[in-house]
């Protein structure tokens, strides 16, 4: 039977964030004033999100879901061992694989990839126009190329996920890792874009998402539950190489607040909480999400497009029209 609901945040990941009723509080960034209690099965999915065309002309709905399930099924046991403060050095590959996949599969990442492909396509159109290989522009619409929208086949961002996961090795290689147990009474939040990394040396007001400078400082945060977060830190790399995974307590409330602030900033469309009481923080960061910003530089007969990730307003993505209706989604 074909699987219709394709989750980009696994149910296995969300269960530790459930309350005693089995629900997670979902704060949509487009309307952060209210929380919607939902079971993990009804959170963070798109209809046929991982479906792929087959060479025979059909559509394969289950292959990627089944593949990702093999990664996800290991997670609950790992979480249990982390909570018990057990040695997880024999599971590092599974932990890093889960984190990397969780960064690559989410809409924050796939939308960014599709926007990059869209910008590259528009650049090609401008090159053709400069070479007078396009029809003349209608009178009064001389700047029409500055307003065109280019929709990208979402299958392209699925293919890009493979390269992204492989590329995360250089992120992991720069850091040492530890599990921090939250003893503050301020529960950790999580989101639909739960993998966070940044340059911790810059002031908070200037911090940008997913900065990785060669040899520069970098910090990664990945909430595991309201009481546990995985932290990667370049300052602890040598200790990690020598002694492996470490465990520590987080007892300072302001540090728990700092972590929750970054989780909210890096969230894309929704923040997830086990308990209420975080509304002001979520609303403060609801207007911006990690998005790519593009710069165009002329180069001979063409142009070079570079990008950097910033915190900005999410833009509406042009819809790719297929025969199949892919509109059902959950926050």
C-alpha atoms as a PDB file:
ATOM      1  CA  UNK A   1       0.000   0.000   0.000  1.00  0.00           C
ATOM      2  CA  UNK A   2       1.324   3.444  -0.941  1.00  0.00           C
ATOM      3  CA  UNK A   3       2.261   5.719   1.943  1.00  0.00           C
ATOM      4  CA  UNK A   4       0.657   9.124   1.628  1.00  0.00           C
ATOM      5  CA  UNK A   5       1.826  11.076   4.693  1.00  0.00           C
ATOM      6  CA  UNK A   6       5.547  11.639   4.465  1.00  0.00           C
ATOM      7  CA  UNK A   7       6.919  13.083   7.711  1.00  0.00           C
ATOM      8  CA  UNK A   8       9.906  15.395   7.579  1.00  0.00           C
ATOM      9  CA  UNK A   9      10.111  15.422  11.391  1.00  0.00           C
ATOM     10  CA  UNK A  10       9.927  11.771  12.480  1.00  0.00           C
ATOM     11  CA  UNK A  11       7.281  10.692  14.946  1.00  0.00           C
ATOM     12  CA  UNK A  12      10.066   8.889  16.825  1.00  0.00           C
ATOM     13  CA  UNK A  13      11.817  12.224  17.293  1.00  0.00           C
ATOM     14  CA  UNK A  14       8.702  14.078  18.492  1.00  0.00           C
ATOM     15  CA  UNK A  15       7.486  11.527  21.059  1.00  0.00           C
ATOM     16  CA  UNK A  16       9.863  12.673  23.839  1.00  0.00           C
ATOM     17  CA  UNK A  17       8.334  16.155  23.487  1.00  0.00           C
ATOM     18  CA  UNK A  18       4.789  14.890  24.084  1.00  0.00           C
ATOM     19  CA  UNK A  19       2.879  15.786  27.248  1.00  0.00           C
ATOM     20  CA  UNK A  20       1.032  13.268  29.413  1.00  0.00           C
ATOM     21  CA  UNK A  21      -1.827  13.163  26.868  1.00  0.00           C
ATOM     22  CA  UNK A  22       0.505  12.206  24.016  1.00  0.00           C
ATOM     23  CA  UNK A  23       0.255  15.632  22.360  1.00  0.00           C
ATOM     24  CA  UNK A  24       2.833  18.248  21.333  1.00  0.00           C
ATOM     25  CA  UNK A  25       2.026  21.968  21.412  1.00  0.00           C
ATOM     26  CA  UNK A  26       2.513  23.318  17.880  1.00  0.00           C
ATOM     27  CA  UNK A  27       3.131  27.052  17.434  1.00  0.00           C
ATOM     28  CA  UNK A  28       2.829  28.053  13.775  1.00  0.00           C
ATOM     29  CA  UNK A  29       5.074  31.037  13.067  1.00  0.00           C
ATOM     30  CA  UNK A  30       2.411  32.616  10.860  1.00  0.00           C
ATOM     31  CA  UNK A  31       0.100  32.687  13.910  1.00  0.00           C
ATOM     32  CA  UNK A  32       2.240  32.184  17.016  1.00  0.00           C
ATOM     33  CA  UNK A  33      -0.310  33.528  19.481  1.00  0.00           C
ATOM     34  CA  UNK A  34      -1.969  30.150  19.910  1.00  0.00           C
ATOM     35  CA  UNK A  35      -0.761  26.602  20.409  1.00  0.00           C
ATOM     36  CA  UNK A  36      -2.365  23.608  18.721  1.00  0.00           C
ATOM     37  CA  UNK A  37      -2.057  20.314  20.650  1.00  0.00           C
ATOM     38  CA  UNK A  38      -1.428  17.526  18.158  1.00  0.00           C
ATOM     39  CA  UNK A  39      -0.253  13.931  18.215  1.00  0.00           C
ATOM     40  CA  UNK A  40       3.086  13.283  16.433  1.00  0.00           C
ATOM     41  CA  UNK A  41       1.261  11.457  13.636  1.00  0.00           C
ATOM     42  CA  UNK A  42      -0.464  14.731  12.713  1.00  0.00           C
ATOM     43  CA  UNK A  43       2.621  16.957  12.802  1.00  0.00           C
ATOM     44  CA  UNK A  44       5.267  17.893  10.224  1.00  0.00           C
ATOM     45  CA  UNK A  45       4.245  15.990   7.122  1.00  0.00           C
ATOM     46  CA  UNK A  46       3.479  16.757   3.513  1.00  0.00           C
ATOM     47  CA  UNK A  47       1.506  14.559   1.234  1.00  0.00           C
ATOM     48  CA  UNK A  48       3.877  12.569  -1.009  1.00  0.00           C
ATOM     49  CA  UNK A  49       6.822  14.705   0.162  1.00  0.00           C
ATOM     50  CA  UNK A  50       9.400  12.060  -0.854  1.00  0.00           C
ATOM     51  CA  UNK A  51       7.650  10.625  -3.908  1.00  0.00           C
ATOM     52  CA  UNK A  52       9.846  10.130  -6.970  1.00  0.00           C
ATOM     53  CA  UNK A  53       9.151   9.394 -10.647  1.00  0.00           C
ATOM     54  CA  UNK A  54      10.265   5.996 -11.893  1.00  0.00           C
ATOM     55  CA  UNK A  55      11.994   5.291 -15.230  1.00  0.00           C
ATOM     56  CA  UNK A  56       8.864   3.432 -16.304  1.00  0.00           C
ATOM     57  CA  UNK A  57       6.767   6.579 -15.986  1.00  0.00           C
ATOM     58  CA  UNK A  58       5.126   5.809 -12.652  1.00  0.00           C
ATOM     59  CA  UNK A  59       5.543   7.312  -9.195  1.00  0.00           C
ATOM     60  CA  UNK A  60       7.317   5.598  -6.289  1.00  0.00           C
ATOM     61  CA  UNK A  61       5.870   6.733  -2.955  1.00  0.00           C
ATOM     62  CA  UNK A  62       7.454   4.383  -0.434  1.00  0.00           C
ATOM     63  CA  UNK A  63      11.167   3.910  -1.182  1.00  0.00           C
ATOM     64  CA  UNK A  64      12.531   6.965   0.647  1.00  0.00           C
ATOM     65  CA  UNK A  65      10.044   6.653   3.493  1.00  0.00           C
ATOM     66  CA  UNK A  66      11.177   3.059   4.000  1.00  0.00           C
ATOM     67  CA  UNK A  67      14.837   4.068   3.790  1.00  0.00           C
ATOM     68  CA  UNK A  68      14.460   6.857   6.345  1.00  0.00           C
ATOM     69  CA  UNK A  69      12.514   4.561   8.650  1.00  0.00           C
ATOM     70  CA  UNK A  70      15.638   2.409   9.026  1.00  0.00           C
ATOM     71  CA  UNK A  71      17.468   5.457  10.401  1.00  0.00           C
ATOM     72  CA  UNK A  72      14.551   6.553  12.576  1.00  0.00           C
ATOM     73  CA  UNK A  73      13.933   3.168  14.191  1.00  0.00           C
ATOM     74  CA  UNK A  74      17.305   3.337  15.963  1.00  0.00           C
ATOM     75  CA  UNK A  75      16.586   6.712  17.532  1.00  0.00           C
ATOM     76  CA  UNK A  76      14.357   5.775  20.519  1.00  0.00           C
ATOM     77  CA  UNK A  77      16.965   3.368  21.907  1.00  0.00           C
ATOM     78  CA  UNK A  78      19.689   5.993  21.476  1.00  0.00           C
ATOM     79  CA  UNK A  79      17.558   8.584  23.279  1.00  0.00           C
ATOM     80  CA  UNK A  80      16.972   6.146  26.134  1.00  0.00           C
ATOM     81  CA  UNK A  81      20.709   5.530  26.490  1.00  0.00           C
ATOM     82  CA  UNK A  82      21.408   9.275  26.409  1.00  0.00           C
ATOM     83  CA  UNK A  83      18.872   9.876  29.168  1.00  0.00           C
ATOM     84  CA  UNK A  84      20.471   7.093  31.217  1.00  0.00           C
ATOM     85  CA  UNK A  85      23.900   8.756  30.720  1.00  0.00           C
ATOM     86  CA  UNK A  86      25.241   5.600  29.127  1.00  0.00           C
ATOM     87  CA  UNK A  87      28.223   5.432  26.773  1.00  0.00           C
ATOM     88  CA  UNK A  88      27.069   6.012  23.174  1.00  0.00           C
ATOM     89  CA  UNK A  89      30.452   6.031  21.452  1.00  0.00           C
ATOM     90  CA  UNK A  90      29.495   2.839  19.608  1.00  0.00           C
ATOM     91  CA  UNK A  91      26.457   4.652  18.142  1.00  0.00           C
ATOM     92  CA  UNK A  92      28.089   7.852  16.897  1.00  0.00           C
ATOM     93  CA  UNK A  93      27.534   6.980  13.251  1.00  0.00           C
ATOM     94  CA  UNK A  94      23.806   6.457  13.893  1.00  0.00           C
ATOM     95  CA  UNK A  95      23.570   9.720  15.861  1.00  0.00           C
ATOM     96  CA  UNK A  96      25.355  11.775  13.212  1.00  0.00           C
ATOM     97  CA  UNK A  97      23.351  10.123  10.441  1.00  0.00           C
ATOM     98  CA  UNK A  98      20.088  10.997  12.187  1.00  0.00           C
ATOM     99  CA  UNK A  99      21.151  14.611  12.748  1.00  0.00           C
ATOM    100  CA  UNK A 100      22.412  15.070   9.180  1.00  0.00           C
ATOM    101  CA  UNK A 101      19.260  13.578   7.695  1.00  0.00           C
ATOM    102  CA  UNK A 102      17.136  15.790   9.926  1.00  0.00           C
ATOM    103  CA  UNK A 103      18.900  18.861   8.578  1.00  0.00           C
ATOM    104  CA  UNK A 104      18.674  17.803   4.916  1.00  0.00           C
ATOM    105  CA  UNK A 105      15.078  16.549   4.750  1.00  0.00           C
ATOM    106  CA  UNK A 106      13.147  19.482   6.236  1.00  0.00           C
ATOM    107  CA  UNK A 107      11.372  22.199   4.197  1.00  0.00           C
ATOM    108  CA  UNK A 108      13.833  24.826   5.462  1.00  0.00           C
ATOM    109  CA  UNK A 109      16.576  22.989   3.598  1.00  0.00           C
ATOM    110  CA  UNK A 110      14.658  21.778   0.564  1.00  0.00           C
ATOM    111  CA  UNK A 111      13.025  25.170  -0.032  1.00  0.00           C
ATOM    112  CA  UNK A 112      16.454  26.820   0.101  1.00  0.00           C
ATOM    113  CA  UNK A 113      17.770  24.346  -2.469  1.00  0.00           C
ATOM    114  CA  UNK A 114      14.847  25.027  -4.784  1.00  0.00           C
ATOM    115  CA  UNK A 115      15.332  28.778  -4.433  1.00  0.00           C
ATOM    116  CA  UNK A 116      18.990  28.389  -5.382  1.00  0.00           C
ATOM    117  CA  UNK A 117      18.050  26.359  -8.451  1.00  0.00           C
ATOM    118  CA  UNK A 118      15.422  28.977  -9.308  1.00  0.00           C
ATOM    119  CA  UNK A 119      18.000  31.790  -9.097  1.00  0.00           C
ATOM    120  CA  UNK A 120      20.393  29.827 -11.299  1.00  0.00           C
ATOM    121  CA  UNK A 121      17.653  29.353 -13.907  1.00  0.00           C
ATOM    122  CA  UNK A 122      16.836  33.069 -13.883  1.00  0.00           C
ATOM    123  CA  UNK A 123      20.520  33.839 -14.345  1.00  0.00           C
ATOM    124  CA  UNK A 124      20.558  31.663 -17.474  1.00  0.00           C
ATOM    125  CA  UNK A 125      17.544  33.549 -18.796  1.00  0.00           C
ATOM    126  CA  UNK A 126      19.307  36.882 -18.236  1.00  0.00           C
ATOM    127  CA  UNK A 127      22.353  35.590 -20.111  1.00  0.00           C
ATOM    128  CA  UNK A 128      20.172  34.576 -23.053  1.00  0.00           C
ATOM    129  CA  UNK A 129      18.479  37.972 -22.968  1.00  0.00           C
ATOM    130  CA  UNK A 130      21.811  39.817 -22.951  1.00  0.00           C
ATOM    131  CA  UNK A 131      22.867  37.769 -25.996  1.00  0.00           C
ATOM    132  CA  UNK A 132      19.609  38.798 -27.753  1.00  0.00           C
ATOM    133  CA  UNK A 133      18.497  35.193 -27.963  1.00  0.00           C
ATOM    134  CA  UNK A 134      15.073  35.876 -26.449  1.00  0.00           C
ATOM    135  CA  UNK A 135      12.072  37.529 -28.111  1.00  0.00           C
ATOM    136  CA  UNK A 136      11.741  41.302 -27.597  1.00  0.00           C
ATOM    137  CA  UNK A 137      10.065  42.339 -24.367  1.00  0.00           C
ATOM    138  CA  UNK A 138       6.542  43.792 -24.578  1.00  0.00           C
ATOM    139  CA  UNK A 139       6.338  47.573 -24.514  1.00  0.00           C
ATOM    140  CA  UNK A 140       6.057  48.828 -20.946  1.00  0.00           C
ATOM    141  CA  UNK A 141       7.501  45.598 -19.530  1.00  0.00           C
ATOM    142  CA  UNK A 142      11.182  46.153 -20.186  1.00  0.00           C
ATOM    143  CA  UNK A 143      12.019  44.978 -16.656  1.00  0.00           C
ATOM    144  CA  UNK A 144       9.896  41.829 -16.886  1.00  0.00           C
ATOM    145  CA  UNK A 145      12.864  39.549 -16.192  1.00  0.00           C
ATOM    146  CA  UNK A 146      13.178  41.116 -12.743  1.00  0.00           C
ATOM    147  CA  UNK A 147       9.696  39.870 -11.866  1.00  0.00           C
ATOM    148  CA  UNK A 148       9.518  36.364 -13.300  1.00  0.00           C
ATOM    149  CA  UNK A 149       8.958  33.404 -11.002  1.00  0.00           C
ATOM    150  CA  UNK A 150      10.582  30.041 -11.646  1.00  0.00           C
ATOM    151  CA  UNK A 151       9.096  26.960 -10.007  1.00  0.00           C
ATOM    152  CA  UNK A 152      11.483  24.061  -9.455  1.00  0.00           C
ATOM    153  CA  UNK A 153      10.551  20.407  -9.645  1.00  0.00           C
ATOM    154  CA  UNK A 154      10.712  19.308  -5.971  1.00  0.00           C
ATOM    155  CA  UNK A 155      12.362  16.058  -7.045  1.00  0.00           C
ATOM    156  CA  UNK A 156      15.495  18.156  -7.609  1.00  0.00           C
ATOM    157  CA  UNK A 157      15.719  19.069  -3.927  1.00  0.00           C
ATOM    158  CA  UNK A 158      15.324  15.376  -3.052  1.00  0.00           C
ATOM    159  CA  UNK A 159      18.375  14.588  -5.164  1.00  0.00           C
ATOM    160  CA  UNK A 160      20.264  17.418  -3.459  1.00  0.00           C
ATOM    161  CA  UNK A 161      19.641  15.841  -0.048  1.00  0.00           C
ATOM    162  CA  UNK A 162      22.231  13.158  -0.803  1.00  0.00           C
ATOM    163  CA  UNK A 163      24.976  15.736  -1.383  1.00  0.00           C
ATOM    164  CA  UNK A 164      23.922  17.721   1.667  1.00  0.00           C
ATOM    165  CA  UNK A 165      24.109  14.726   3.995  1.00  0.00           C
ATOM    166  CA  UNK A 166      27.559  13.833   2.662  1.00  0.00           C
ATOM    167  CA  UNK A 167      28.696  17.430   3.069  1.00  0.00           C
ATOM    168  CA  UNK A 168      27.760  17.562   6.743  1.00  0.00           C
ATOM    169  CA  UNK A 169      30.815  15.488   7.518  1.00  0.00           C
ATOM    170  CA  UNK A 170      32.931  18.636   7.420  1.00  0.00           C
ATOM    171  CA  UNK A 171      30.595  20.230   9.988  1.00  0.00           C
ATOM    172  CA  UNK A 172      30.840  17.274  12.358  1.00  0.00           C
ATOM    173  CA  UNK A 173      34.603  17.005  11.857  1.00  0.00           C
ATOM    174  CA  UNK A 174      35.160  20.452  13.356  1.00  0.00           C
ATOM    175  CA  UNK A 175      33.449  19.743  16.673  1.00  0.00           C
ATOM    176  CA  UNK A 176      33.447  17.706  19.812  1.00  0.00           C
ATOM    177  CA  UNK A 177      30.097  16.456  21.099  1.00  0.00           C
ATOM    178  CA  UNK A 178      28.364  16.153  24.448  1.00  0.00           C
ATOM    179  CA  UNK A 179      24.926  15.467  25.887  1.00  0.00           C
ATOM    180  CA  UNK A 180      23.731  18.227  28.232  1.00  0.00           C
ATOM    181  CA  UNK A 181      21.081  17.234  30.768  1.00  0.00           C
ATOM    182  CA  UNK A 182      18.751  20.107  31.586  1.00  0.00           C
ATOM    183  CA  UNK A 183      18.301  20.514  35.345  1.00  0.00           C
ATOM    184  CA  UNK A 184      16.997  24.102  35.205  1.00  0.00           C
ATOM    185  CA  UNK A 185      13.253  23.555  35.111  1.00  0.00           C
ATOM    186  CA  UNK A 186      13.064  25.396  31.765  1.00  0.00           C
ATOM    187  CA  UNK A 187      12.204  22.692  29.211  1.00  0.00           C
ATOM    188  CA  UNK A 188      13.910  22.734  25.845  1.00  0.00           C
ATOM    189  CA  UNK A 189      11.856  23.507  22.763  1.00  0.00           C
ATOM    190  CA  UNK A 190      12.307  22.027  19.306  1.00  0.00           C
ATOM    191  CA  UNK A 191      11.055  22.857  15.830  1.00  0.00           C
ATOM    192  CA  UNK A 192      10.544  21.790  12.240  1.00  0.00           C
ATOM    193  CA  UNK A 193      14.188  22.772  11.650  1.00  0.00           C
ATOM    194  CA  UNK A 194      15.799  21.323  14.740  1.00  0.00           C
ATOM    195  CA  UNK A 195      19.464  21.194  13.647  1.00  0.00           C
ATOM    196  CA  UNK A 196      21.121  24.477  14.603  1.00  0.00           C
ATOM    197  CA  UNK A 197      24.682  25.630  14.015  1.00  0.00           C
ATOM    198  CA  UNK A 198      26.335  29.053  14.017  1.00  0.00           C
ATOM    199  CA  UNK A 199      29.488  31.006  14.769  1.00  0.00           C
ATOM    200  CA  UNK A 200      29.405  31.576  18.558  1.00  0.00           C
ATOM    201  CA  UNK A 201      32.097  34.266  18.418  1.00  0.00           C
ATOM    202  CA  UNK A 202      29.863  36.929  16.862  1.00  0.00           C
ATOM    203  CA  UNK A 203      27.439  39.085  18.882  1.00  0.00           C
ATOM    204  CA  UNK A 204      23.963  37.632  19.125  1.00  0.00           C
ATOM    205  CA  UNK A 205      22.497  40.550  17.162  1.00  0.00           C
ATOM    206  CA  UNK A 206      24.810  39.755  14.224  1.00  0.00           C
ATOM    207  CA  UNK A 207      24.476  35.970  14.346  1.00  0.00           C
ATOM    208  CA  UNK A 208      23.554  34.302  11.069  1.00  0.00           C
ATOM    209  CA  UNK A 209      22.420  30.707  10.492  1.00  0.00           C
ATOM    210  CA  UNK A 210      24.631  27.871   9.269  1.00  0.00           C
ATOM    211  CA  UNK A 211      27.941  29.735   9.174  1.00  0.00           C
ATOM    212  CA  UNK A 212      30.951  27.446   8.863  1.00  0.00           C
ATOM    213  CA  UNK A 213      34.289  29.213   8.437  1.00  0.00           C
ATOM    214  CA  UNK A 214      37.336  27.001   7.773  1.00  0.00           C
ATOM    215  CA  UNK A 215      39.102  26.664  11.088  1.00  0.00           C
ATOM    216  CA  UNK A 216      36.680  29.079  12.728  1.00  0.00           C
ATOM    217  CA  UNK A 217      34.573  28.480  15.824  1.00  0.00           C
ATOM    218  CA  UNK A 218      31.267  26.690  15.353  1.00  0.00           C
ATOM    219  CA  UNK A 219      28.573  25.436  17.702  1.00  0.00           C
ATOM    220  CA  UNK A 220      25.773  22.956  16.984  1.00  0.00           C
ATOM    221  CA  UNK A 221      22.583  22.413  18.977  1.00  0.00           C
ATOM    222  CA  UNK A 222      20.166  19.520  18.536  1.00  0.00           C
ATOM    223  CA  UNK A 223      17.372  19.164  21.117  1.00  0.00           C
ATOM    224  CA  UNK A 224      16.644  15.541  21.979  1.00  0.00           C
ATOM    225  CA  UNK A 225      13.908  16.070  24.583  1.00  0.00           C
ATOM    226  CA  UNK A 226      12.757  18.825  26.965  1.00  0.00           C
ATOM    227  CA  UNK A 227      15.497  17.675  29.337  1.00  0.00           C
ATOM    228  CA  UNK A 228      18.341  16.887  26.930  1.00  0.00           C
ATOM    229  CA  UNK A 229      20.240  18.603  24.111  1.00  0.00           C
ATOM    230  CA  UNK A 230      23.178  17.449  22.007  1.00  0.00           C
ATOM    231  CA  UNK A 231      25.832  20.141  21.764  1.00  0.00           C
ATOM    232  CA  UNK A 232      28.672  20.241  19.272  1.00  0.00           C
ATOM    233  CA  UNK A 233      31.468  22.727  19.952  1.00  0.00           C
ATOM    234  CA  UNK A 234      34.688  23.281  18.041  1.00  0.00           C
ATOM    235  CA  UNK A 235      36.441  24.207  21.301  1.00  0.00           C
ATOM    236  CA  UNK A 236      35.890  20.637  22.524  1.00  0.00           C
ATOM    237  CA  UNK A 237      37.096  18.829  19.411  1.00  0.00           C
ATOM    238  CA  UNK A 238      40.467  17.697  20.795  1.00  0.00           C
ATOM    239  CA  UNK A 239      38.859  16.352  23.974  1.00  0.00           C
ATOM    240  CA  UNK A 240      36.261  14.511  21.876  1.00  0.00           C
ATOM    241  CA  UNK A 241      38.905  12.947  19.627  1.00  0.00           C
ATOM    242  CA  UNK A 242      40.813  11.758  22.676  1.00  0.00           C
ATOM    243  CA  UNK A 243      37.992  10.592  24.934  1.00  0.00           C
ATOM    244  CA  UNK A 244      34.790  10.418  22.880  1.00  0.00           C
ATOM    245  CA  UNK A 245      31.292  11.496  23.852  1.00  0.00           C
ATOM    246  CA  UNK A 246      30.900  13.383  27.136  1.00  0.00           C
ATOM    247  CA  UNK A 247      27.987  14.060  29.483  1.00  0.00           C
ATOM    248  CA  UNK A 248      27.312  17.135  31.619  1.00  0.00           C
ATOM    249  CA  UNK A 249      24.524  18.910  33.476  1.00  0.00           C
ATOM    250  CA  UNK A 250      23.108  22.269  32.435  1.00  0.00           C
ATOM    251  CA  UNK A 251      22.108  23.982  35.663  1.00  0.00           C
ATOM    252  CA  UNK A 252      22.113  27.658  34.655  1.00  0.00           C
ATOM    253  CA  UNK A 253      18.689  28.919  33.611  1.00  0.00           C
ATOM    254  CA  UNK A 254      20.037  31.655  31.354  1.00  0.00           C
ATOM    255  CA  UNK A 255      21.896  29.049  29.268  1.00  0.00           C
ATOM    256  CA  UNK A 256      18.678  27.054  28.784  1.00  0.00           C
ATOM    257  CA  UNK A 257      17.038  30.298  27.673  1.00  0.00           C
ATOM    258  CA  UNK A 258      19.876  30.968  25.227  1.00  0.00           C
ATOM    259  CA  UNK A 259      19.431  27.508  23.697  1.00  0.00           C
ATOM    260  CA  UNK A 260      15.666  27.976  23.374  1.00  0.00           C
ATOM    261  CA  UNK A 261      16.207  31.346  21.762  1.00  0.00           C
ATOM    262  CA  UNK A 262      18.382  29.811  19.054  1.00  0.00           C
ATOM    263  CA  UNK A 263      15.908  26.981  18.535  1.00  0.00           C
ATOM    264  CA  UNK A 264      13.147  29.538  17.942  1.00  0.00           C
ATOM    265  CA  UNK A 265      15.309  31.615  15.617  1.00  0.00           C
ATOM    266  CA  UNK A 266      16.251  28.618  13.496  1.00  0.00           C
ATOM    267  CA  UNK A 267      12.683  27.273  13.310  1.00  0.00           C
ATOM    268  CA  UNK A 268      11.169  27.547   9.845  1.00  0.00           C
ATOM    269  CA  UNK A 269       7.392  27.300  10.011  1.00  0.00           C
ATOM    270  CA  UNK A 270       6.670  25.894  13.473  1.00  0.00           C
ATOM    271  CA  UNK A 271       8.007  25.572  17.016  1.00  0.00           C
ATOM    272  CA  UNK A 272       7.128  22.526  19.130  1.00  0.00           C
ATOM    273  CA  UNK A 273       6.812  22.538  22.927  1.00  0.00           C
ATOM    274  CA  UNK A 274       5.864  20.083  25.613  1.00  0.00           C
ATOM    275  CA  UNK A 275       4.399  22.772  27.870  1.00  0.00           C
ATOM    276  CA  UNK A 276       2.992  26.265  27.499  1.00  0.00           C
ATOM    277  CA  UNK A 277       4.760  29.356  28.791  1.00  0.00           C
ATOM    278  CA  UNK A 278       7.133  30.097  25.892  1.00  0.00           C
ATOM    279  CA  UNK A 279       4.750  32.271  23.892  1.00  0.00           C
ATOM    280  CA  UNK A 280       6.658  35.564  24.209  1.00  0.00           C
ATOM    281  CA  UNK A 281       9.910  33.987  23.055  1.00  0.00           C
ATOM    282  CA  UNK A 282       8.262  32.221  20.119  1.00  0.00           C
ATOM    283  CA  UNK A 283       6.415  35.355  19.012  1.00  0.00           C
ATOM    284  CA  UNK A 284       9.610  37.425  19.211  1.00  0.00           C
ATOM    285  CA  UNK A 285      11.237  35.265  16.542  1.00  0.00           C
ATOM    286  CA  UNK A 286       8.154  34.364  14.511  1.00  0.00           C
ATOM    287  CA  UNK A 287       8.697  36.899  11.727  1.00  0.00           C
ATOM    288  CA  UNK A 288      12.023  35.493  10.535  1.00  0.00           C
ATOM    289  CA  UNK A 289      13.388  32.106   9.513  1.00  0.00           C
ATOM    290  CA  UNK A 290      16.641  30.835   7.984  1.00  0.00           C
ATOM    291  CA  UNK A 291      16.500  31.666   4.267  1.00  0.00           C
ATOM    292  CA  UNK A 292      19.103  32.124   1.512  1.00  0.00           C
ATOM    293  CA  UNK A 293      20.062  35.628   0.405  1.00  0.00           C
ATOM    294  CA  UNK A 294      21.483  35.975  -3.115  1.00  0.00           C
ATOM    295  CA  UNK A 295      24.089  38.297  -4.593  1.00  0.00           C
ATOM    296  CA  UNK A 296      24.632  38.764  -8.334  1.00  0.00           C
ATOM    297  CA  UNK A 297      28.000  39.729  -9.811  1.00  0.00           C
ATOM    298  CA  UNK A 298      28.606  40.238 -13.541  1.00  0.00           C
ATOM    299  CA  UNK A 299      31.370  38.080 -14.968  1.00  0.00           C
ATOM    300  CA  UNK A 300      32.184  38.436 -18.651  1.00  0.00           C
ATOM    301  CA  UNK A 301      29.141  37.441 -20.666  1.00  0.00           C
ATOM    302  CA  UNK A 302      27.492  35.846 -17.663  1.00  0.00           C
ATOM    303  CA  UNK A 303      27.099  36.353 -13.961  1.00  0.00           C
ATOM    304  CA  UNK A 304      28.073  34.685 -10.726  1.00  0.00           C
ATOM    305  CA  UNK A 305      25.431  34.100  -8.080  1.00  0.00           C
ATOM    306  CA  UNK A 306      26.534  33.657  -4.497  1.00  0.00           C
ATOM    307  CA  UNK A 307      24.370  33.165  -1.447  1.00  0.00           C
ATOM    308  CA  UNK A 308      24.500  33.259   2.301  1.00  0.00           C
ATOM    309  CA  UNK A 309      21.982  32.135   4.869  1.00  0.00           C
ATOM    310  CA  UNK A 310      20.288  34.903   6.825  1.00  0.00           C
ATOM    311  CA  UNK A 311      17.340  35.304   9.165  1.00  0.00           C
ATOM    312  CA  UNK A 312      14.634  36.812   6.984  1.00  0.00           C
ATOM    313  CA  UNK A 313      10.989  36.586   6.046  1.00  0.00           C
ATOM    314  CA  UNK A 314       9.926  33.367   4.375  1.00  0.00           C
ATOM    315  CA  UNK A 315       8.754  33.969   0.831  1.00  0.00           C
ATOM    316  CA  UNK A 316       5.973  32.179  -0.944  1.00  0.00           C
ATOM    317  CA  UNK A 317       7.422  29.407  -3.067  1.00  0.00           C
ATOM    318  CA  UNK A 318       6.118  29.210  -6.663  1.00  0.00           C
ATOM    319  CA  UNK A 319       4.017  26.096  -6.979  1.00  0.00           C
ATOM    320  CA  UNK A 320       5.248  23.261  -9.150  1.00  0.00           C
ATOM    321  CA  UNK A 321       2.193  21.850 -10.878  1.00  0.00           C
ATOM    322  CA  UNK A 322       2.017  18.089 -11.256  1.00  0.00           C
ATOM    323  CA  UNK A 323      -0.809  15.758 -12.152  1.00  0.00           C
ATOM    324  CA  UNK A 324      -1.032  14.643  -8.552  1.00  0.00           C
ATOM    325  CA  UNK A 325      -2.428  16.969  -5.881  1.00  0.00           C
ATOM    326  CA  UNK A 326       0.261  17.466  -3.247  1.00  0.00           C
ATOM    327  CA  UNK A 327      -1.480  20.028  -1.085  1.00  0.00           C
ATOM    328  CA  UNK A 328      -2.209  18.162   2.171  1.00  0.00           C
ATOM    329  CA  UNK A 329       0.263  19.253   4.800  1.00  0.00           C
ATOM    330  CA  UNK A 330       0.677  19.655   8.539  1.00  0.00           C
ATOM    331  CA  UNK A 331       2.600  22.264  10.521  1.00  0.00           C
END
